[in-house]
PDB file of all heavy atoms in Angstrom:
ATOM      1  N   LEU A   1       2.763  20.681   5.771  1.00  0.00           N
ATOM      2  CA  LEU A   1       1.533  19.894   5.766  1.00  0.00           C
ATOM      3  C   LEU A   1       1.321  19.227   4.407  1.00  0.00           C
ATOM      4  O   LEU A   1       0.932  18.063   4.346  1.00  0.00           O
ATOM      5  CB  LEU A   1       0.333  20.782   6.120  1.00  0.00           C
ATOM      6  CG  LEU A   1      -1.022  20.079   6.141  1.00  0.00           C
ATOM      7  CD1 LEU A   1      -1.029  18.954   7.179  1.00  0.00           C
ATOM      8  CD2 LEU A   1      -2.135  21.088   6.422  1.00  0.00           C
ATOM      9  N   LEU A   2       1.618  19.949   3.330  1.00  0.00           N
ATOM     10  CA  LEU A   2       1.429  19.364   1.994  1.00  0.00           C
ATOM     11  C   LEU A   2       2.360  18.179   1.755  1.00  0.00           C
ATOM     12  O   LEU A   2       1.947  17.168   1.189  1.00  0.00           O
ATOM     13  CB  LEU A   2       1.629  20.421   0.908  1.00  0.00           C
ATOM     14  CG  LEU A   2       0.497  21.433   0.759  1.00  0.00           C
ATOM     15  CD1 LEU A   2       0.858  22.475  -0.303  1.00  0.00           C
ATOM     16  CD2 LEU A   2      -0.803  20.737   0.396  1.00  0.00           C
ATOM     17  N   LEU A   3       3.614  18.291   2.182  1.00  0.00           N
ATOM     18  CA  LEU A   3       4.539  17.165   2.016  1.00  0.00           C
ATOM     19  C   LEU A   3       4.083  15.977   2.855  1.00  0.00           C
ATOM     20  O   LEU A   3       4.091  14.833   2.388  1.00  0.00           O
ATOM     21  CB  LEU A   3       5.968  17.568   2.398  1.00  0.00           C
ATOM     22  CG  LEU A   3       7.024  16.474   2.242  1.00  0.00           C
ATOM     23  CD1 LEU A   3       7.121  15.988   0.797  1.00  0.00           C
ATOM     24  CD2 LEU A   3       8.378  16.954   2.744  1.00  0.00           C
ATOM     25  N   LEU A   4       3.671  16.249   4.057  1.00  0.00           N
ATOM     26  CA  LEU A   4       3.180  15.180   4.936  1.00  0.00           C
ATOM     27  C   LEU A   4       1.969  14.481   4.321  1.00  0.00           C
ATOM     28  O   LEU A   4       1.928  13.253   4.227  1.00  0.00           O
ATOM     29  CB  LEU A   4       2.820  15.765   6.304  1.00  0.00           C
ATOM     30  CG  LEU A   4       2.436  14.775   7.378  1.00  0.00           C
ATOM     31  CD1 LEU A   4       3.630  13.933   7.779  1.00  0.00           C
ATOM     32  CD2 LEU A   4       1.901  15.524   8.590  1.00  0.00           C
ATOM     33  N   LEU A   5       1.003  15.269   3.867  1.00  0.00           N
ATOM     34  CA  LEU A   5      -0.208  14.690   3.274  1.00  0.00           C
ATOM     35  C   LEU A   5       0.090  13.930   1.983  1.00  0.00           C
ATOM     36  O   LEU A   5      -0.444  12.838   1.764  1.00  0.00           O
ATOM     37  CB  LEU A   5      -1.243  15.784   3.013  1.00  0.00           C
ATOM     38  CG  LEU A   5      -1.857  16.438   4.249  1.00  0.00           C
ATOM     39  CD1 LEU A   5      -2.761  17.599   3.846  1.00  0.00           C
ATOM     40  CD2 LEU A   5      -2.611  15.424   5.093  1.00  0.00           C
ATOM     41  N   SER A   6       0.947  14.488   1.142  1.00  0.00           N
ATOM     42  CA  SER A   6       1.205  13.833  -0.147  1.00  0.00           C
ATOM     43  C   SER A   6       1.960  12.515   0.031  1.00  0.00           C
ATOM     44  O   SER A   6       1.677  11.547  -0.678  1.00  0.00           O
ATOM     45  CB  SER A   6       1.971  14.766  -1.091  1.00  0.00           C
ATOM     46  OG  SER A   6       3.288  14.993  -0.644  1.00  0.00           O
ATOM     47  N   THR A   7       2.895  12.464   0.967  1.00  0.00           N
ATOM     48  CA  THR A   7       3.636  11.216   1.146  1.00  0.00           C
ATOM     49  C   THR A   7       2.763  10.140   1.780  1.00  0.00           C
ATOM     50  O   THR A   7       2.800   8.984   1.357  1.00  0.00           O
ATOM     51  CB  THR A   7       4.925  11.430   1.960  1.00  0.00           C
ATOM     52  OG1 THR A   7       4.613  12.063   3.189  1.00  0.00           O
ATOM     53  CG2 THR A   7       5.942  12.257   1.197  1.00  0.00           C
ATOM     54  N   PHE A   8       1.970  10.516   2.766  1.00  0.00           N
ATOM     55  CA  PHE A   8       1.119   9.504   3.382  1.00  0.00           C
ATOM     56  C   PHE A   8      -0.046   9.118   2.473  1.00  0.00           C
ATOM     57  O   PHE A   8      -0.489   7.970   2.500  1.00  0.00           O
ATOM     58  CB  PHE A   8       0.670   9.946   4.777  1.00  0.00           C
ATOM     59  CG  PHE A   8       1.773   9.797   5.783  1.00  0.00           C
ATOM     60  CD1 PHE A   8       2.566  10.879   6.142  1.00  0.00           C
ATOM     61  CD2 PHE A   8       2.073   8.554   6.326  1.00  0.00           C
ATOM     62  CE1 PHE A   8       3.618  10.727   7.036  1.00  0.00           C
ATOM     63  CE2 PHE A   8       3.124   8.389   7.218  1.00  0.00           C
ATOM     64  CZ  PHE A   8       3.893   9.483   7.569  1.00  0.00           C
ATOM     65  N   ALA A   9      -0.489  10.034   1.629  1.00  0.00           N
ATOM     66  CA  ALA A   9      -1.514   9.682   0.636  1.00  0.00           C
ATOM     67  C   ALA A   9      -0.946   8.686  -0.377  1.00  0.00           C
ATOM     68  O   ALA A   9      -1.631   7.736  -0.770  1.00  0.00           O
ATOM     69  CB  ALA A   9      -2.025  10.930  -0.076  1.00  0.00           C
ATOM     70  N   ALA A  10       0.305   8.882  -0.781  1.00  0.00           N
ATOM     71  CA  ALA A  10       0.939   7.953  -1.729  1.00  0.00           C
ATOM     72  C   ALA A  10       1.022   6.555  -1.138  1.00  0.00           C
ATOM     73  O   ALA A  10       0.720   5.569  -1.819  1.00  0.00           O
ATOM     74  CB  ALA A  10       2.329   8.453  -2.108  1.00  0.00           C
ATOM     75  N   VAL A  11       1.412   6.468   0.130  1.00  0.00           N
ATOM     76  CA  VAL A  11       1.494   5.163   0.791  1.00  0.00           C
ATOM     77  C   VAL A  11       0.101   4.534   0.884  1.00  0.00           C
ATOM     78  O   VAL A  11      -0.082   3.353   0.590  1.00  0.00           O
ATOM     79  CB  VAL A  11       2.155   5.289   2.178  1.00  0.00           C
ATOM     80  CG1 VAL A  11       2.026   3.998   2.964  1.00  0.00           C
ATOM     81  CG2 VAL A  11       3.621   5.684   2.019  1.00  0.00           C
ATOM     82  N   ALA A  12      -0.879   5.325   1.276  1.00  0.00           N
ATOM     83  CA  ALA A  12      -2.250   4.806   1.396  1.00  0.00           C
ATOM     84  C   ALA A  12      -2.769   4.314   0.042  1.00  0.00           C
ATOM     85  O   ALA A  12      -3.363   3.231  -0.049  1.00  0.00           O
ATOM     86  CB  ALA A  12      -3.174   5.876   1.961  1.00  0.00           C
ATOM     87  N   ILE A  13      -2.530   5.086  -0.991  1.00  0.00           N
ATOM     88  CA  ILE A  13      -2.966   4.679  -2.332  1.00  0.00           C
ATOM     89  C   ILE A  13      -2.292   3.375  -2.728  1.00  0.00           C
ATOM     90  O   ILE A  13      -2.929   2.465  -3.260  1.00  0.00           O
ATOM     91  CB  ILE A  13      -2.684   5.799  -3.359  1.00  0.00           C
ATOM     92  CG1 ILE A  13      -3.650   6.959  -3.127  1.00  0.00           C
ATOM     93  CG2 ILE A  13      -2.776   5.280  -4.788  1.00  0.00           C
ATOM     94  CD1 ILE A  13      -3.280   8.229  -3.868  1.00  0.00           C
ATOM     95  N   GLY A  14      -0.991   3.276  -2.441  1.00  0.00           N
ATOM     96  CA  GLY A  14      -0.271   2.044  -2.752  1.00  0.00           C
ATOM     97  C   GLY A  14      -0.857   0.838  -2.046  1.00  0.00           C
ATOM     98  O   GLY A  14      -0.940  -0.249  -2.621  1.00  0.00           O
ATOM     99  N   TRP A  15      -1.271   1.012  -0.809  1.00  0.00           N
ATOM    100  CA  TRP A  15      -1.833  -0.107  -0.040  1.00  0.00           C
ATOM    101  C   TRP A  15      -3.252  -0.448  -0.482  1.00  0.00           C
ATOM    102  O   TRP A  15      -3.670  -1.591  -0.367  1.00  0.00           O
ATOM    103  CB  TRP A  15      -1.803   0.212   1.454  1.00  0.00           C
ATOM    104  CG  TRP A  15      -0.450  -0.035   2.036  1.00  0.00           C
ATOM    105  CD1 TRP A  15       0.696   0.628   1.700  1.00  0.00           C
ATOM    106  CD2 TRP A  15      -0.092  -1.013   2.994  1.00  0.00           C
ATOM    107  NE1 TRP A  15       1.744   0.111   2.421  1.00  0.00           N
ATOM    108  CE2 TRP A  15       1.297  -0.887   3.225  1.00  0.00           C
ATOM    109  CE3 TRP A  15      -0.802  -1.970   3.702  1.00  0.00           C
ATOM    110  CZ2 TRP A  15       1.977  -1.695   4.107  1.00  0.00           C
ATOM    111  CZ3 TRP A  15      -0.115  -2.772   4.595  1.00  0.00           C
ATOM    112  CH2 TRP A  15       1.259  -2.641   4.792  1.00  0.00           C
ATOM    113  N   ILE A  16      -3.975   0.518  -1.005  1.00  0.00           N
ATOM    114  CA  ILE A  16      -5.359   0.283  -1.430  1.00  0.00           C
ATOM    115  C   ILE A  16      -5.426  -0.334  -2.831  1.00  0.00           C
ATOM    116  O   ILE A  16      -6.263  -1.205  -3.091  1.00  0.00           O
ATOM    117  CB  ILE A  16      -6.162   1.609  -1.379  1.00  0.00           C
ATOM    118  CG1 ILE A  16      -6.341   2.051   0.081  1.00  0.00           C
ATOM    119  CG2 ILE A  16      -7.508   1.467  -2.073  1.00  0.00           C
ATOM    120  CD1 ILE A  16      -6.857   3.473   0.237  1.00  0.00           C
ATOM    121  N   ILE A  17      -4.550   0.103  -3.716  1.00  0.00           N
ATOM    122  CA  ILE A  17      -4.619  -0.315  -5.126  1.00  0.00           C
ATOM    123  C   ILE A  17      -4.726  -1.829  -5.322  1.00  0.00           C
ATOM    124  O   ILE A  17      -5.527  -2.278  -6.142  1.00  0.00           O
ATOM    125  CB  ILE A  17      -3.444   0.276  -5.936  1.00  0.00           C
ATOM    126  CG1 ILE A  17      -3.720   1.755  -6.213  1.00  0.00           C
ATOM    127  CG2 ILE A  17      -3.210  -0.465  -7.236  1.00  0.00           C
ATOM    128  CD1 ILE A  17      -2.627   2.445  -6.988  1.00  0.00           C
ATOM    129  N   PRO A  18      -3.956  -2.665  -4.624  1.00  0.00           N
ATOM    130  CA  PRO A  18      -4.061  -4.110  -4.890  1.00  0.00           C
ATOM    131  C   PRO A  18      -5.457  -4.687  -4.616  1.00  0.00           C
ATOM    132  O   PRO A  18      -5.773  -5.769  -5.115  1.00  0.00           O
ATOM    133  CB  PRO A  18      -3.031  -4.725  -3.940  1.00  0.00           C
ATOM    134  CG  PRO A  18      -2.039  -3.642  -3.705  1.00  0.00           C
ATOM    135  CD  PRO A  18      -2.850  -2.376  -3.711  1.00  0.00           C
ATOM    136  N   PHE A  19      -6.263  -3.985  -3.857  1.00  0.00           N
ATOM    137  CA  PHE A  19      -7.608  -4.465  -3.519  1.00  0.00           C
ATOM    138  C   PHE A  19      -8.675  -3.927  -4.465  1.00  0.00           C
ATOM    139  O   PHE A  19      -9.867  -4.088  -4.209  1.00  0.00           O
ATOM    140  CB  PHE A  19      -7.947  -4.066  -2.072  1.00  0.00           C
ATOM    141  CG  PHE A  19      -7.050  -4.733  -1.061  1.00  0.00           C
ATOM    142  CD1 PHE A  19      -5.893  -4.097  -0.625  1.00  0.00           C
ATOM    143  CD2 PHE A  19      -7.342  -5.990  -0.571  1.00  0.00           C
ATOM    144  CE1 PHE A  19      -5.054  -4.706   0.296  1.00  0.00           C
ATOM    145  CE2 PHE A  19      -6.511  -6.613   0.344  1.00  0.00           C
ATOM    146  CZ  PHE A  19      -5.363  -5.974   0.781  1.00  0.00           C
ATOM    147  N   THR A  20      -8.257  -3.275  -5.556  1.00  0.00           N
ATOM    148  CA  THR A  20      -9.196  -2.642  -6.482  1.00  0.00           C
ATOM    149  C   THR A  20      -9.045  -3.217  -7.891  1.00  0.00           C
ATOM    150  O   THR A  20      -8.041  -3.875  -8.196  1.00  0.00           O
ATOM    151  CB  THR A  20      -8.938  -1.121  -6.551  1.00  0.00           C
ATOM    152  OG1 THR A  20      -7.665  -0.900  -7.203  1.00  0.00           O
ATOM    153  CG2 THR A  20      -8.959  -0.473  -5.169  1.00  0.00           C
ATOM    154  N   PRO A  21     -10.007  -2.931  -8.758  1.00  0.00           N
ATOM    155  CA  PRO A  21      -9.867  -3.326 -10.163  1.00  0.00           C
ATOM    156  C   PRO A  21      -8.649  -2.676 -10.834  1.00  0.00           C
ATOM    157  O   PRO A  21      -8.055  -3.269 -11.735  1.00  0.00           O
ATOM    158  CB  PRO A  21     -11.172  -2.846 -10.803  1.00  0.00           C
ATOM    159  CG  PRO A  21     -12.156  -2.817  -9.675  1.00  0.00           C
ATOM    160  CD  PRO A  21     -11.366  -2.421  -8.463  1.00  0.00           C
ATOM    161  N   VAL A  22      -8.279  -1.481 -10.391  1.00  0.00           N
ATOM    162  CA  VAL A  22      -7.084  -0.831 -10.937  1.00  0.00           C
ATOM    163  C   VAL A  22      -5.861  -1.696 -10.628  1.00  0.00           C
ATOM    164  O   VAL A  22      -4.991  -1.898 -11.485  1.00  0.00           O
ATOM    165  CB  VAL A  22      -6.912   0.591 -10.357  1.00  0.00           C
ATOM    166  CG1 VAL A  22      -5.580   1.201 -10.776  1.00  0.00           C
ATOM    167  CG2 VAL A  22      -8.064   1.487 -10.779  1.00  0.00           C
ATOM    168  N   GLY A  23      -5.791  -2.204  -9.402  1.00  0.00           N
ATOM    169  CA  GLY A  23      -4.686  -3.085  -9.038  1.00  0.00           C
ATOM    170  C   GLY A  23      -4.656  -4.336  -9.902  1.00  0.00           C
ATOM    171  O   GLY A  23      -3.583  -4.761 -10.360  1.00  0.00           O
ATOM    172  N   ALA A  24      -5.823  -4.922 -10.118  1.00  0.00           N
ATOM    173  CA  ALA A  24      -5.894  -6.114 -10.969  1.00  0.00           C
ATOM    174  C   ALA A  24      -5.402  -5.797 -12.379  1.00  0.00           C
ATOM    175  O   ALA A  24      -4.696  -6.598 -13.001  1.00  0.00           O
ATOM    176  CB  ALA A  24      -7.319  -6.651 -10.997  1.00  0.00           C
ATOM    177  N   PHE A  25      -5.759  -4.628 -12.890  1.00  0.00           N
ATOM    178  CA  PHE A  25      -5.315  -4.201 -14.215  1.00  0.00           C
ATOM    179  C   PHE A  25      -3.786  -4.171 -14.292  1.00  0.00           C
ATOM    180  O   PHE A  25      -3.199  -4.539 -15.313  1.00  0.00           O
ATOM    181  CB  PHE A  25      -5.894  -2.824 -14.559  1.00  0.00           C
ATOM    182  CG  PHE A  25      -5.383  -2.254 -15.846  1.00  0.00           C
ATOM    183  CD1 PHE A  25      -5.909  -2.678 -17.059  1.00  0.00           C
ATOM    184  CD2 PHE A  25      -4.368  -1.304 -15.856  1.00  0.00           C
ATOM    185  CE1 PHE A  25      -5.426  -2.160 -18.262  1.00  0.00           C
ATOM    186  CE2 PHE A  25      -3.883  -0.786 -17.042  1.00  0.00           C
ATOM    187  CZ  PHE A  25      -4.420  -1.210 -18.248  1.00  0.00           C
ATOM    188  N   PHE A  26      -3.148  -3.746 -13.215  1.00  0.00           N
ATOM    189  CA  PHE A  26      -1.691  -3.658 -13.167  1.00  0.00           C
ATOM    190  C   PHE A  26      -1.021  -4.956 -12.694  1.00  0.00           C
ATOM    191  O   PHE A  26       0.190  -5.018 -12.525  1.00  0.00           O
ATOM    192  CB  PHE A  26      -1.250  -2.498 -12.270  1.00  0.00           C
ATOM    193  CG  PHE A  26      -1.422  -1.159 -12.923  1.00  0.00           C
ATOM    194  CD1 PHE A  26      -2.525  -0.366 -12.642  1.00  0.00           C
ATOM    195  CD2 PHE A  26      -0.485  -0.680 -13.825  1.00  0.00           C
ATOM    196  CE1 PHE A  26      -2.687   0.867 -13.238  1.00  0.00           C
ATOM    197  CE2 PHE A  26      -0.638   0.554 -14.430  1.00  0.00           C
ATOM    198  CZ  PHE A  26      -1.745   1.336 -14.142  1.00  0.00           C
ATOM    199  N   GLY A  27      -1.826  -5.993 -12.467  1.00  0.00           N
ATOM    200  CA  GLY A  27      -1.275  -7.282 -12.055  1.00  0.00           C
ATOM    201  C   GLY A  27      -0.962  -7.373 -10.569  1.00  0.00           C
ATOM    202  O   GLY A  27      -0.247  -8.275 -10.142  1.00  0.00           O
ATOM    203  N   LEU A  28      -1.497  -6.459  -9.772  1.00  0.00           N
ATOM    204  CA  LEU A  28      -1.304  -6.489  -8.326  1.00  0.00           C
ATOM    205  C   LEU A  28      -2.446  -7.261  -7.693  1.00  0.00           C
ATOM    206  O   LEU A  28      -3.569  -7.254  -8.191  1.00  0.00           O
ATOM    207  CB  LEU A  28      -1.249  -5.060  -7.766  1.00  0.00           C
ATOM    208  CG  LEU A  28      -0.146  -4.176  -8.355  1.00  0.00           C
ATOM    209  CD1 LEU A  28      -0.307  -2.736  -7.882  1.00  0.00           C
ATOM    210  CD2 LEU A  28       1.227  -4.716  -7.997  1.00  0.00           C
ATOM    211  N   VAL A  29      -2.154  -7.949  -6.602  1.00  0.00           N
ATOM    212  CA  VAL A  29      -3.165  -8.784  -5.945  1.00  0.00           C
ATOM    213  C   VAL A  29      -3.229  -8.430  -4.454  1.00  0.00           C
ATOM    214  O   VAL A  29      -2.253  -7.955  -3.879  1.00  0.00           O
ATOM    215  CB  VAL A  29      -2.836 -10.283  -6.112  1.00  0.00           C
ATOM    216  CG1 VAL A  29      -2.884 -10.686  -7.581  1.00  0.00           C
ATOM    217  CG2 VAL A  29      -1.489 -10.628  -5.506  1.00  0.00           C
ATOM    218  N   PRO A  30      -4.375  -8.660  -3.829  1.00  0.00           N
ATOM    219  CA  PRO A  30      -4.472  -8.423  -2.381  1.00  0.00           C
ATOM    220  C   PRO A  30      -3.523  -9.344  -1.621  1.00  0.00           C
ATOM    221  O   PRO A  30      -3.346 -10.508  -1.977  1.00  0.00           O
ATOM    222  CB  PRO A  30      -5.928  -8.763  -2.052  1.00  0.00           C
ATOM    223  CG  PRO A  30      -6.657  -8.667  -3.349  1.00  0.00           C
ATOM    224  CD  PRO A  30      -5.663  -9.055  -4.404  1.00  0.00           C
ATOM    225  N   LEU A  31      -2.894  -8.798  -0.589  1.00  0.00           N
ATOM    226  CA  LEU A  31      -2.015  -9.589   0.261  1.00  0.00           C
ATOM    227  C   LEU A  31      -2.716  -9.877   1.580  1.00  0.00           C
ATOM    228  O   LEU A  31      -3.582  -9.122   2.014  1.00  0.00           O
ATOM    229  CB  LEU A  31      -0.705  -8.838   0.529  1.00  0.00           C
ATOM    230  CG  LEU A  31       0.139  -8.480  -0.688  1.00  0.00           C
ATOM    231  CD1 LEU A  31       1.409  -7.761  -0.254  1.00  0.00           C
ATOM    232  CD2 LEU A  31       0.493  -9.713  -1.498  1.00  0.00           C
ATOM    233  N   SER A  32      -2.315 -10.960   2.217  1.00  0.00           N
ATOM    234  CA  SER A  32      -2.889 -11.319   3.507  1.00  0.00           C
ATOM    235  C   SER A  32      -2.463 -10.297   4.560  1.00  0.00           C
ATOM    236  O   SER A  32      -1.426  -9.633   4.404  1.00  0.00           O
ATOM    237  CB  SER A  32      -2.416 -12.706   3.928  1.00  0.00           C
ATOM    238  OG  SER A  32      -1.045 -12.651   4.299  1.00  0.00           O
ATOM    239  N   PRO A  33      -3.242 -10.151   5.625  1.00  0.00           N
ATOM    240  CA  PRO A  33      -2.842  -9.237   6.708  1.00  0.00           C
ATOM    241  C   PRO A  33      -1.451  -9.559   7.251  1.00  0.00           C
ATOM    242  O   PRO A  33      -0.690  -8.652   7.581  1.00  0.00           O
ATOM    243  CB  PRO A  33      -3.920  -9.450   7.775  1.00  0.00           C
ATOM    244  CG  PRO A  33      -5.115  -9.902   7.004  1.00  0.00           C
ATOM    245  CD  PRO A  33      -4.569 -10.725   5.868  1.00  0.00           C
ATOM    246  N   PHE A  34      -1.104 -10.823   7.321  1.00  0.00           N
ATOM    247  CA  PHE A  34       0.216 -11.211   7.818  1.00  0.00           C
ATOM    248  C   PHE A  34       1.321 -10.676   6.907  1.00  0.00           C
ATOM    249  O   PHE A  34       2.352 -10.181   7.378  1.00  0.00           O
ATOM    250  CB  PHE A  34       0.304 -12.740   7.949  1.00  0.00           C
ATOM    251  CG  PHE A  34       1.620 -13.200   8.489  1.00  0.00           C
ATOM    252  CD1 PHE A  34       1.945 -13.011   9.830  1.00  0.00           C
ATOM    253  CD2 PHE A  34       2.547 -13.804   7.655  1.00  0.00           C
ATOM    254  CE1 PHE A  34       3.170 -13.423  10.339  1.00  0.00           C
ATOM    255  CE2 PHE A  34       3.779 -14.222   8.148  1.00  0.00           C
ATOM    256  CZ  PHE A  34       4.080 -14.033   9.495  1.00  0.00           C
ATOM    257  N   MET A  35       1.130 -10.791   5.595  1.00  0.00           N
ATOM    258  CA  MET A  35       2.131 -10.287   4.656  1.00  0.00           C
ATOM    259  C   MET A  35       2.217  -8.766   4.706  1.00  0.00           C
ATOM    260  O   MET A  35       3.309  -8.195   4.633  1.00  0.00           O
ATOM    261  CB  MET A  35       1.829 -10.775   3.245  1.00  0.00           C
ATOM    262  CG  MET A  35       2.078 -12.244   3.072  1.00  0.00           C
ATOM    263  SD  MET A  35       1.787 -12.730   1.376  1.00  0.00           S
ATOM    264  CE  MET A  35       1.976 -14.494   1.521  1.00  0.00           C
ATOM    265  N   LEU A  36       1.083  -8.106   4.831  1.00  0.00           N
ATOM    266  CA  LEU A  36       1.088  -6.650   4.958  1.00  0.00           C
ATOM    267  C   LEU A  36       1.819  -6.213   6.227  1.00  0.00           C
ATOM    268  O   LEU A  36       2.582  -5.244   6.216  1.00  0.00           O
ATOM    269  CB  LEU A  36      -0.343  -6.105   4.946  1.00  0.00           C
ATOM    270  CG  LEU A  36      -1.102  -6.250   3.626  1.00  0.00           C
ATOM    271  CD1 LEU A  36      -2.554  -5.850   3.807  1.00  0.00           C
ATOM    272  CD2 LEU A  36      -0.430  -5.431   2.533  1.00  0.00           C
ATOM    273  N   LEU A  37       1.605  -6.961   7.293  1.00  0.00           N
ATOM    274  CA  LEU A  37       2.299  -6.671   8.551  1.00  0.00           C
ATOM    275  C   LEU A  37       3.809  -6.896   8.394  1.00  0.00           C
ATOM    276  O   LEU A  37       4.618  -6.113   8.910  1.00  0.00           O
ATOM    277  CB  LEU A  37       1.737  -7.548   9.673  1.00  0.00           C
ATOM    278  CG  LEU A  37       2.246  -7.266  11.071  1.00  0.00           C
ATOM    279  CD1 LEU A  37       1.920  -5.841  11.490  1.00  0.00           C
ATOM    280  CD2 LEU A  37       1.628  -8.249  12.054  1.00  0.00           C
ATOM    281  N   ALA A  38       4.190  -7.932   7.673  1.00  0.00           N
ATOM    282  CA  ALA A  38       5.609  -8.198   7.433  1.00  0.00           C
ATOM    283  C   ALA A  38       6.246  -7.046   6.654  1.00  0.00           C
ATOM    284  O   ALA A  38       7.350  -6.593   6.990  1.00  0.00           O
ATOM    285  CB  ALA A  38       5.779  -9.518   6.679  1.00  0.00           C
ATOM    286  N   ILE A  39       5.550  -6.549   5.646  1.00  0.00           N
ATOM    287  CA  ILE A  39       6.064  -5.417   4.865  1.00  0.00           C
ATOM    288  C   ILE A  39       6.174  -4.179   5.752  1.00  0.00           C
ATOM    289  O   ILE A  39       7.184  -3.466   5.725  1.00  0.00           O
ATOM    290  CB  ILE A  39       5.170  -5.142   3.640  1.00  0.00           C
ATOM    291  CG1 ILE A  39       5.267  -6.310   2.658  1.00  0.00           C
ATOM    292  CG2 ILE A  39       5.561  -3.827   2.966  1.00  0.00           C
ATOM    293  CD1 ILE A  39       4.238  -6.281   1.557  1.00  0.00           C
ATOM    294  N   ALA A  40       5.148  -3.911   6.546  1.00  0.00           N
ATOM    295  CA  ALA A  40       5.181  -2.752   7.448  1.00  0.00           C
ATOM    296  C   ALA A  40       6.359  -2.879   8.423  1.00  0.00           C
ATOM    297  O   ALA A  40       7.040  -1.885   8.722  1.00  0.00           O
ATOM    298  CB  ALA A  40       3.867  -2.621   8.198  1.00  0.00           C
ATOM    299  N   GLY A  41       6.610  -4.082   8.906  1.00  0.00           N
ATOM    300  CA  GLY A  41       7.730  -4.304   9.817  1.00  0.00           C
ATOM    301  C   GLY A  41       9.065  -4.050   9.144  1.00  0.00           C
ATOM    302  O   GLY A  41       9.957  -3.418   9.724  1.00  0.00           O
ATOM    303  N   ILE A  42       9.217  -4.545   7.929  1.00  0.00           N
ATOM    304  CA  ILE A  42      10.456  -4.327   7.174  1.00  0.00           C
ATOM    305  C   ILE A  42      10.678  -2.830   6.981  1.00  0.00           C
ATOM    306  O   ILE A  42      11.779  -2.314   7.187  1.00  0.00           O
ATOM    307  CB  ILE A  42      10.409  -5.053   5.816  1.00  0.00           C
ATOM    308  CG1 ILE A  42      10.524  -6.561   6.008  1.00  0.00           C
ATOM    309  CG2 ILE A  42      11.494  -4.544   4.874  1.00  0.00           C
ATOM    310  CD1 ILE A  42      10.236  -7.374   4.764  1.00  0.00           C
ATOM    311  N   VAL A  43       9.636  -2.116   6.607  1.00  0.00           N
ATOM    312  CA  VAL A  43       9.751  -0.678   6.363  1.00  0.00           C
ATOM    313  C   VAL A  43      10.077   0.067   7.663  1.00  0.00           C
ATOM    314  O   VAL A  43      10.924   0.967   7.675  1.00  0.00           O
ATOM    315  CB  VAL A  43       8.474  -0.121   5.702  1.00  0.00           C
ATOM    316  CG1 VAL A  43       8.496   1.399   5.636  1.00  0.00           C
ATOM    317  CG2 VAL A  43       8.300  -0.722   4.309  1.00  0.00           C
ATOM    318  N   ALA A  44       9.440  -0.318   8.752  1.00  0.00           N
ATOM    319  CA  ALA A  44       9.708   0.344  10.042  1.00  0.00           C
ATOM    320  C   ALA A  44      11.168   0.150  10.467  1.00  0.00           C
ATOM    321  O   ALA A  44      11.829   1.102  10.894  1.00  0.00           O
ATOM    322  CB  ALA A  44       8.761  -0.192  11.114  1.00  0.00           C
ATOM    323  N   VAL A  45      11.677  -1.064  10.333  1.00  0.00           N
ATOM    324  CA  VAL A  45      13.073  -1.327  10.705  1.00  0.00           C
ATOM    325  C   VAL A  45      14.013  -0.570   9.763  1.00  0.00           C
ATOM    326  O   VAL A  45      15.017   0.009  10.192  1.00  0.00           O
ATOM    327  CB  VAL A  45      13.375  -2.838  10.718  1.00  0.00           C
ATOM    328  CG1 VAL A  45      14.853  -3.108  10.930  1.00  0.00           C
ATOM    329  CG2 VAL A  45      12.551  -3.534  11.788  1.00  0.00           C
TER     330      VAL A  45
END
């Protein structure tokens, strides 16, 4: 359960960060839903 939670938490944090001031600090920007879907598709394949 801990491995499952930690890996999915890492992914969730990664997806949230670009939409926050922390993301802006690191030079990350929000992506469009289409681009996020494209990334999810690439990862799934």
